[in-house]
Protein backbone atom coordinates (compact mmCIF):
# COMPACT_ATOMS: atom_id res chain seq x y z
CA MET A 1 18.40 -0.88 13.36
CA PRO A 2 15.35 -1.90 11.30
CA VAL A 3 12.00 -0.38 12.22
CA LEU A 4 10.30 -3.67 11.35
CA GLU A 5 11.83 -7.07 10.74
CA LEU A 6 10.19 -10.37 9.83
CA ARG A 7 12.23 -13.50 10.41
CA GLN A 8 11.25 -16.76 8.70
CA LEU A 9 7.55 -15.96 9.06
CA CYS A 10 5.25 -18.86 8.13
CA LYS A 11 1.45 -19.09 8.17
CA SER A 12 -0.79 -21.96 7.09
CA PHE A 13 -4.56 -22.38 6.80
CA GLY A 14 -5.12 -26.12 6.77
CA GLY A 15 -3.32 -27.35 3.66
CA LEU A 16 -2.78 -23.83 2.28
CA GLN A 17 0.69 -22.42 2.95
CA ALA A 18 0.00 -18.67 2.91
CA THR A 19 3.54 -17.48 3.68
CA ARG A 20 6.74 -19.51 3.55
CA GLU A 21 9.70 -18.30 5.61
CA VAL A 22 9.16 -14.64 4.71
CA THR A 23 12.06 -12.46 5.82
CA LEU A 24 11.88 -8.66 5.44
CA ARG A 25 13.70 -5.68 6.91
CA ILE A 26 12.18 -2.18 6.84
CA MET A 27 14.68 0.54 7.65
CA PRO A 28 13.87 3.98 9.16
CA GLY A 29 12.76 6.60 6.67
CA GLU A 30 12.31 4.11 3.83
CA PRO A 31 9.71 5.81 1.61
CA ALA A 32 8.03 2.54 0.75
CA ARG A 33 8.82 -1.10 0.53
CA PRO A 34 6.03 -2.69 -1.47
CA SER A 35 5.54 -6.42 -1.41
CA SER A 36 3.65 -7.24 -4.58
CA ALA A 37 2.54 -10.53 -6.08
CA LYS A 38 0.02 -13.27 -5.43
CA ARG A 39 -2.96 -11.83 -3.59
CA ARG A 40 -4.02 -13.48 -0.32
CA ARG A 41 -0.60 -14.65 0.75
CA GLN A 42 0.91 -11.20 1.20
CA ASP A 43 -2.19 -9.98 3.05
CA HIS A 44 -1.60 -12.67 5.66
CA ALA A 45 1.99 -11.47 6.05
CA VAL A 46 0.78 -7.96 6.96
CA GLN A 47 -1.94 -9.35 9.23
CA SER A 48 0.73 -11.36 11.03
CA ASP A 49 2.79 -8.15 11.32
CA HIS A 50 -0.04 -6.42 13.13
CA ARG A 51 -1.31 -9.41 15.15
CA HIS A 52 -4.70 -9.75 13.43
CA LEU A 53 -3.39 -13.22 12.59
CA SER A 54 -0.49 -14.82 14.39
CA GLY A 55 2.21 -16.60 12.44
CA ASP A 56 2.69 -20.31 13.01
CA ILE A 57 6.48 -20.03 12.90
CA GLY A 58 8.88 -17.09 12.87
CA GLN A 59 9.36 -13.75 14.58
CA VAL A 60 8.15 -10.16 14.19
CA LEU A 61 10.54 -7.55 15.57
CA LEU A 62 9.51 -3.92 16.02
CA PHE A 63 12.36 -1.52 16.83
CA GLY A 64 14.40 -4.54 17.88
CA GLN A 65 11.76 -5.89 20.26
CA ASP A 66 10.15 -9.26 19.70
CA VAL A 67 6.45 -8.40 19.35
CA THR A 68 5.36 -11.69 17.79
CA LYS A 69 2.81 -12.40 20.51
CA TRP A 70 1.87 -8.82 21.28
CA PRO A 71 -1.74 -7.65 20.70
CA SER A 72 -2.43 -4.90 18.16
CA HIS A 73 -2.91 -2.08 20.68
CA LYS A 74 0.54 -2.67 22.22
CA ARG A 75 2.19 -2.58 18.80
CA THR A 76 0.31 0.62 18.00
CA ALA A 77 1.61 2.18 21.23
CA LEU A 78 5.15 1.26 20.15
CA GLY A 79 4.75 3.13 16.85
CA MET A 80 2.99 0.90 14.30
CA ALA A 81 -0.22 1.72 12.41
CA ARG A 82 -2.07 0.06 9.55
CA THR A 83 -4.99 0.40 7.17
CA PHE A 84 -7.32 -2.23 5.74
CA GLN A 85 -8.51 -3.12 2.24
CA VAL A 86 -12.05 -2.31 3.34
CA THR A 87 -12.39 1.18 4.77
CA HIS A 88 -13.56 1.49 8.38
CA LEU A 89 -15.04 4.98 8.60
CA PHE A 90 -18.04 6.44 10.38
CA PRO A 91 -20.22 7.24 7.33
CA GLY A 92 -22.63 9.50 9.22
CA LEU A 93 -19.86 11.74 10.57
CA THR A 94 -17.95 14.46 8.77
CA VAL A 95 -14.40 14.00 7.58
CA LEU A 96 -13.15 16.23 10.41
CA ASP A 97 -15.13 14.30 13.04
CA ASN A 98 -13.64 11.00 11.80
CA VAL A 99 -10.14 12.43 12.22
CA LEU A 100 -11.03 13.91 15.64
CA LEU A 101 -12.19 10.51 16.90
CA ALA A 102 -9.01 8.84 15.64
CA ILE A 103 -6.83 11.34 17.51
CA LYS A 104 -8.98 11.44 20.63
CA GLY A 105 -9.16 7.65 20.84
CA LEU A 106 -5.42 7.50 21.55
CA ARG A 107 -5.57 9.82 24.57
CA ARG A 108 -6.57 9.20 28.16
CA SER A 109 -8.99 12.11 27.96
CA LYS A 110 -11.23 9.94 25.74
CA PHE A 111 -12.85 8.76 29.00
CA VAL A 112 -13.75 12.33 30.04
CA MET A 113 -17.47 12.76 29.40
CA TRP A 114 -18.11 16.14 31.00
CA ARG A 115 -16.14 18.35 28.57
CA PHE A 116 -17.15 19.36 25.05
CA LEU A 117 -14.85 17.97 22.38
CA SER A 118 -14.51 21.49 20.97
CA SER A 119 -12.72 22.52 24.20
CA TYR A 120 -9.65 20.46 23.24
CA LYS A 121 -7.93 23.01 21.00
CA GLU A 122 -4.78 20.91 20.53
CA VAL A 123 -6.84 17.98 19.27
CA TYR A 124 -8.81 20.20 16.89
CA ASP A 125 -5.67 21.86 15.52
CA LYS A 126 -4.07 18.49 14.83
CA ALA A 127 -7.26 17.15 13.23
CA ILE A 128 -7.43 20.13 10.86
CA ILE A 129 -3.78 19.64 9.84
CA CYS A 130 -4.33 15.91 9.25
CA SER A 131 -7.53 16.42 7.27
CA ASN A 132 -5.65 18.74 4.90
CA LYS A 133 -3.20 15.98 3.89
CA PRO A 134 -5.19 14.12 1.18
CA ALA A 135 -4.10 14.90 -2.38
CA SER A 136 -7.67 15.46 -3.52
CA SER A 137 -9.74 18.26 -2.02
CA ILE A 138 -12.00 16.66 0.58
CA ALA A 139 -14.27 19.13 2.31
CA ARG A 140 -13.84 18.70 6.06
CA ILE A 141 -17.54 19.38 6.62
CA SER A 142 -18.63 16.64 4.18
CA ARG A 143 -19.90 13.35 5.52
CA SER A 144 -17.40 10.58 4.78
CA ALA A 145 -20.18 8.52 3.18
CA ILE A 146 -20.43 10.91 0.22
CA CYS A 147 -16.68 10.98 -0.46
CA ARG A 148 -15.42 9.10 -3.50
CA THR A 149 -13.75 5.73 -2.98
CA GLY A 150 -10.29 7.21 -3.53
CA GLU A 151 -10.98 9.98 -1.03
CA GLN A 152 -12.20 7.47 1.55
CA ARG A 153 -8.99 5.46 1.09
CA GLN A 154 -6.89 8.57 1.66
CA LEU A 155 -8.97 9.44 4.72
CA GLU A 156 -8.40 5.93 6.06
CA ILE A 157 -4.64 6.52 5.83
CA VAL A 158 -5.04 9.89 7.59
CA LEU A 159 -6.75 8.07 10.47
CA GLY A 160 -3.76 5.73 10.64
CA LEU A 161 -1.44 8.73 10.82
CA ALA A 162 -3.37 10.11 13.81
CA SER A 163 -1.22 8.03 16.18
CA ASP A 164 2.01 9.59 14.80
CA PRO A 165 3.41 6.18 13.84
CA LYS A 166 7.00 5.47 12.88
CA ILE A 167 5.94 2.72 10.51
CA LEU A 168 2.73 2.48 8.48
CA LEU A 169 1.35 -0.75 6.98
CA LEU A 170 -0.89 -0.19 3.94
CA ASP A 171 -2.96 -3.06 2.58
CA GLU A 172 -3.75 -2.39 -1.10
CA PRO A 173 -4.75 1.28 -0.81
CA ALA A 174 -5.25 1.55 -4.60
CA ALA A 175 -7.41 -1.57 -4.96
CA GLY A 176 -10.57 -0.85 -6.96
CA LEU A 177 -9.62 2.76 -7.73
CA SER A 178 -9.89 4.40 -11.14
CA SER A 179 -6.67 5.40 -12.91
CA GLY A 180 -7.17 9.03 -11.81
CA GLU A 181 -7.78 8.03 -8.20
CA SER A 182 -4.70 5.76 -8.28
CA THR A 183 -2.62 8.71 -9.48
CA ASP A 184 -4.00 10.82 -6.62
CA MET A 185 -3.15 8.02 -4.18
CA ALA A 186 0.44 7.84 -5.42
CA LYS A 187 0.82 11.63 -5.09
CA PHE A 188 -0.66 11.46 -1.59
CA LEU A 189 1.76 8.72 -0.50
CA MET A 190 4.75 10.57 -1.92
CA LYS A 191 3.81 13.65 0.16
CA LEU A 192 3.91 11.78 3.46
CA ASP A 193 6.68 12.47 5.97
CA PRO A 194 9.95 11.12 4.46
CA LYS A 195 10.96 9.92 7.93
CA LEU A 196 7.98 7.54 7.98
CA ALA A 197 8.75 3.94 7.05
CA ILE A 198 6.03 2.31 4.96
CA LEU A 199 5.26 -1.31 4.15
CA LEU A 200 2.90 -1.27 1.17
CA ILE A 201 1.01 -4.25 -0.22
CA GLU A 202 -0.17 -3.33 -3.71
CA HIS A 203 -1.06 -4.79 -7.12
CA ASP A 204 -1.23 -1.49 -9.03
CA MET A 205 2.24 -1.51 -10.56
CA ASP A 206 2.15 2.18 -11.49
CA VAL A 207 1.63 3.08 -7.82
CA VAL A 208 4.34 0.63 -6.77
CA PHE A 209 6.96 1.99 -9.15
CA ASP A 210 6.03 5.61 -8.38
CA VAL A 211 6.43 5.44 -4.61
CA ALA A 212 8.76 2.52 -3.89
CA SER A 213 12.43 2.67 -3.04
CA GLN A 214 12.61 -1.10 -2.50
CA ILE A 215 10.34 -3.86 -3.77
CA SER A 216 9.92 -7.45 -2.58
CA VAL A 217 7.93 -9.77 -4.83
CA LEU A 218 6.05 -12.67 -3.21
CA HIS A 219 5.22 -15.73 -5.30
CA PHE A 220 3.16 -18.53 -3.73
CA GLY A 221 4.02 -17.20 -0.27
CA GLU A 222 7.79 -16.96 -0.80
CA ILE A 223 10.06 -13.99 -1.45
CA LEU A 224 10.91 -14.34 -5.13
CA GLU A 225 12.99 -11.20 -5.62
CA THR A 226 13.99 -8.07 -3.72
CA GLY A 227 15.54 -4.97 -5.23
CA THR A 228 15.09 -1.45 -6.51
CA PRO A 229 12.23 -0.69 -8.95
CA LYS A 230 14.70 -0.80 -11.85
CA GLN A 231 16.05 -4.20 -10.75
CA ILE A 232 12.56 -5.65 -10.32
CA HIS A 233 11.41 -4.30 -13.68
CA SER A 234 14.26 -6.05 -15.48
CA SER A 235 14.20 -9.26 -13.41
CA ALA A 236 13.75 -12.36 -15.57
CA ARG A 237 12.46 -14.32 -12.55
CA VAL A 238 9.71 -11.77 -11.88
CA GLN A 239 8.71 -11.61 -15.54
CA GLU A 240 8.56 -15.40 -15.78
CA SER A 241 6.47 -15.73 -12.60
CA THR A 242 4.02 -13.13 -13.92
CA TRP A 243 3.86 -13.81 -17.64
CA GLY A 244 5.33 -17.32 -17.96
CA ARG A 245 8.37 -18.18 -20.03
CA THR A 246 9.99 -15.16 -21.66
CA ASN A 247 12.33 -16.89 -24.12
CA LEU A 248 9.71 -17.95 -26.68
CA MET A 249 10.21 -17.12 -30.34
CA ALA A 250 8.78 -13.76 -31.40
CA ILE A 251 6.27 -14.02 -34.26
CA LEU A 252 5.43 -10.32 -34.46
CA GLU A 253 7.28 -7.33 -33.06
CA VAL A 254 6.54 -3.60 -33.27
CA GLN A 255 8.72 -0.82 -31.89
CA ASP A 256 8.08 2.83 -31.04
CA ILE A 257 4.71 3.18 -32.79
CA HIS A 258 3.05 6.63 -32.69
CA THR A 259 -0.49 7.02 -34.05
CA TYR A 260 -2.94 9.94 -34.23
CA TYR A 261 -6.68 10.06 -34.93
CA GLY A 262 -7.16 13.70 -35.79
CA ASP A 263 -5.92 15.54 -32.71
CA ALA A 264 -6.05 12.42 -30.51
CA TYR A 265 -2.65 10.94 -29.69
CA VAL A 266 -3.72 7.30 -29.30
CA LEU A 267 -0.43 5.36 -29.40
CA GLN A 268 2.57 6.94 -27.69
CA GLY A 269 5.78 5.12 -28.50
CA LEU A 270 4.16 1.68 -28.23
CA SER A 271 6.45 -1.35 -28.43
CA LEU A 272 5.27 -4.94 -28.06
CA GLN A 273 6.22 -8.46 -28.99
CA LEU A 274 3.87 -11.33 -29.83
CA GLU A 275 5.47 -14.64 -28.95
CA GLN A 276 4.71 -18.16 -30.01
CA ALA A 277 1.75 -19.79 -28.18
CA ARG A 278 0.97 -16.55 -26.37
CA PHE A 279 -2.27 -14.53 -26.28
CA SER A 280 -1.59 -10.78 -26.18
CA ALA A 281 -3.97 -7.86 -25.74
CA CYS A 282 -3.50 -4.10 -25.79
CA SER A 283 -6.03 -1.84 -24.08
CA ALA A 284 -6.27 1.94 -24.10
CA ALA A 285 -4.88 2.10 -20.57
CA THR A 286 -1.67 0.28 -21.60
CA ALA A 287 -1.08 1.71 -25.09
CA SER A 288 1.81 3.86 -23.96
CA ALA A 289 5.55 3.43 -23.70
CA ASN A 290 5.35 5.12 -20.30
CA ARG A 291 3.92 1.99 -18.68
CA ARG A 292 6.70 0.25 -16.76
CA TRP A 293 5.44 -3.32 -16.50
């Protein structure tokens, strides 16, 4: 039985059709199922999943139950958690205190005002374990405001894990991160519990191909293609939707170029093709055969 299933989900904003009959199935223990393509439309799909926006047409099923009209807190109680593009942390509190509040907020004892928080040993032990999960070394005593953007994004995910969810929705966790921080984010996601199902919305293709077992590409609100990373990488439909027509005549082609400047290895097996009526650019970040898109 799928952990999460979307059936013919549609959402419009006036004349803008954000999602068009989106159908997805997330199975238990699926490491990640990224949905990657045109920006705002996929975000609305996740928001409809978690009831921040309600779909106009279609169903959202969580563990086989129709939760289309359920509020967010009821879906969270059933085993769903999510993060946002913009982090929602308490900047004046330490990393550990942020995690403590996330755990404590899910318990009935949050209404108890006459006990010190430090007296809840179980909560503290869990908070310490959770705060040790980020790939980069975040000092638990540091205020979250002084953490780097990538560290704050990882901490945001840790707060989502505080409810021990069975499925985690991640909305562009690598957006705006440097290449090093994106690498840390991918390592962090790959270290999460393999039993946890993840629905990841992401535009950083390196992160997508590193962590995904299944990819669904949305184009103008519709599912264009679904498959393994290898299938998506070689899909002519995906390439055409991203880059335009792919059958144009090649004017210039280079293959497996390796170049050094002194000890600097600047081109590592670079291959590219310049087609008719096409503007091509090569930056330092993409001058490598290891890039997969």
